Amino acid sequence: DSYTHLSQASLARDILARHDMTDCNPCKLPMEPGRHLLYSDRPAVPDVLRRQKYQEIVGALQYLCTWTRP
């Protein structure tokens, strides 16, 4: 019997490595339950580089989840 095995693990590892996140631990929720974000929690001056890095990571994950599915 021959079969084809598709996996996204390699791309996921590449995304984590590209963004220095290989030592991160998985979690079920992005923050603790019941936490409310306040306007005063945000920085007075936005960090453009941090925002760009966040957008790159989210875009790569969206690509992984949306466009690479069999």
C-alpha atoms as a PDB file:
ATOM      1  CA  ASP A   1       0.000   0.000   0.000  1.00  0.00           C
ATOM      2  CA  SER A   2       1.288   3.458  -0.850  1.00  0.00           C
ATOM      3  CA  TYR A   3       0.029   6.602   0.759  1.00  0.00           C
ATOM      4  CA  THR A   4       0.817  10.305   0.973  1.00  0.00           C
ATOM      5  CA  HIS A   5       1.436  11.952   4.317  1.00  0.00           C
ATOM      6  CA  LEU A   6       0.898  15.714   4.588  1.00  0.00           C
ATOM      7  CA  SER A   7       2.230  17.625   7.552  1.00  0.00           C
ATOM      8  CA  GLN A   8       2.480  21.268   8.538  1.00  0.00           C
ATOM      9  CA  ALA A   9       4.915  20.589  11.402  1.00  0.00           C
ATOM     10  CA  SER A  10       7.975  21.664   9.438  1.00  0.00           C
ATOM     11  CA  LEU A  11       6.430  25.004   8.459  1.00  0.00           C
ATOM     12  CA  ALA A  12       5.243  25.574  12.033  1.00  0.00           C
ATOM     13  CA  ARG A  13       8.775  24.923  13.358  1.00  0.00           C
ATOM     14  CA  ASP A  14      10.203  27.304  10.734  1.00  0.00           C
ATOM     15  CA  ILE A  15       7.792  30.063  11.789  1.00  0.00           C
ATOM     16  CA  LEU A  16       8.718  29.591  15.452  1.00  0.00           C
ATOM     17  CA  ALA A  17      12.443  29.617  14.653  1.00  0.00           C
ATOM     18  CA  ARG A  18      12.164  32.698  12.423  1.00  0.00           C
ATOM     19  CA  HIS A  19      10.598  34.644  15.297  1.00  0.00           C
ATOM     20  CA  ASP A  20      12.835  33.264  18.097  1.00  0.00           C
ATOM     21  CA  MET A  21       9.920  31.420  19.705  1.00  0.00           C
ATOM     22  CA  THR A  22      11.258  27.842  19.750  1.00  0.00           C
ATOM     23  CA  ASP A  23      11.458  27.876  23.569  1.00  0.00           C
ATOM     24  CA  CYS A  24       7.858  29.048  24.053  1.00  0.00           C
ATOM     25  CA  ASN A  25       5.380  26.826  25.857  1.00  0.00           C
ATOM     26  CA  PRO A  26       1.900  26.105  24.498  1.00  0.00           C
ATOM     27  CA  CYS A  27      -1.136  27.370  26.388  1.00  0.00           C
ATOM     28  CA  LYS A  28      -4.874  26.981  25.953  1.00  0.00           C
ATOM     29  CA  LEU A  29      -5.658  30.677  26.455  1.00  0.00           C
ATOM     30  CA  PRO A  30      -3.600  33.731  25.465  1.00  0.00           C
ATOM     31  CA  MET A  31      -4.101  35.308  28.906  1.00  0.00           C
ATOM     32  CA  GLU A  32      -5.614  34.446  32.252  1.00  0.00           C
ATOM     33  CA  PRO A  33      -9.412  34.100  32.348  1.00  0.00           C
ATOM     34  CA  GLY A  34     -11.287  37.112  33.667  1.00  0.00           C
ATOM     35  CA  ARG A  35      -8.513  39.582  32.803  1.00  0.00           C
ATOM     36  CA  HIS A  36      -9.841  42.882  31.455  1.00  0.00           C
ATOM     37  CA  LEU A  37      -7.643  45.092  29.320  1.00  0.00           C
ATOM     38  CA  LEU A  38      -7.776  48.763  30.146  1.00  0.00           C
ATOM     39  CA  TYR A  39      -7.002  51.764  28.005  1.00  0.00           C
ATOM     40  CA  SER A  40      -4.335  52.694  30.574  1.00  0.00           C
ATOM     41  CA  ASP A  41      -2.580  49.330  29.978  1.00  0.00           C
ATOM     42  CA  ARG A  42      -1.413  50.336  26.517  1.00  0.00           C
ATOM     43  CA  PRO A  43       1.864  52.218  26.026  1.00  0.00           C
ATOM     44  CA  ALA A  44       1.765  55.997  25.616  1.00  0.00           C
ATOM     45  CA  VAL A  45       3.818  55.737  22.418  1.00  0.00           C
ATOM     46  CA  PRO A  46       3.191  52.735  20.135  1.00  0.00           C
ATOM     47  CA  ASP A  47       6.235  50.581  19.373  1.00  0.00           C
ATOM     48  CA  VAL A  48       6.251  50.343  15.579  1.00  0.00           C
ATOM     49  CA  LEU A  49       8.780  47.481  15.436  1.00  0.00           C
ATOM     50  CA  ARG A  50       6.885  45.425  18.001  1.00  0.00           C
ATOM     51  CA  ARG A  51       3.637  45.926  16.083  1.00  0.00           C
ATOM     52  CA  GLN A  52       5.320  44.921  12.816  1.00  0.00           C
ATOM     53  CA  LYS A  53       6.770  41.750  14.371  1.00  0.00           C
ATOM     54  CA  TYR A  54       3.336  40.862  15.791  1.00  0.00           C
ATOM     55  CA  GLN A  55       1.735  41.365  12.372  1.00  0.00           C
ATOM     56  CA  GLU A  56       4.388  39.152  10.729  1.00  0.00           C
ATOM     57  CA  ILE A  57       3.806  36.338  13.227  1.00  0.00           C
ATOM     58  CA  VAL A  58       0.011  36.519  12.923  1.00  0.00           C
ATOM     59  CA  GLY A  59       0.236  36.628   9.117  1.00  0.00           C
ATOM     60  CA  ALA A  60       2.513  33.585   9.035  1.00  0.00           C
ATOM     61  CA  LEU A  61       0.146  31.657  11.317  1.00  0.00           C
ATOM     62  CA  GLN A  62      -2.853  32.639   9.207  1.00  0.00           C
ATOM     63  CA  TYR A  63      -1.033  31.376   6.116  1.00  0.00           C
ATOM     64  CA  LEU A  64      -0.209  28.124   7.909  1.00  0.00           C
ATOM     65  CA  CYS A  65      -3.814  27.581   9.042  1.00  0.00           C
ATOM     66  CA  THR A  66      -5.603  28.769   5.905  1.00  0.00           C
ATOM     67  CA  TRP A  67      -3.548  28.197   2.779  1.00  0.00           C
ATOM     68  CA  THR A  68      -1.571  25.057   3.622  1.00  0.00           C
ATOM     69  CA  ARG A  69      -4.490  22.818   4.559  1.00  0.00           C
ATOM     70  CA  PRO A  70      -4.934  19.729   2.398  1.00  0.00           C
END
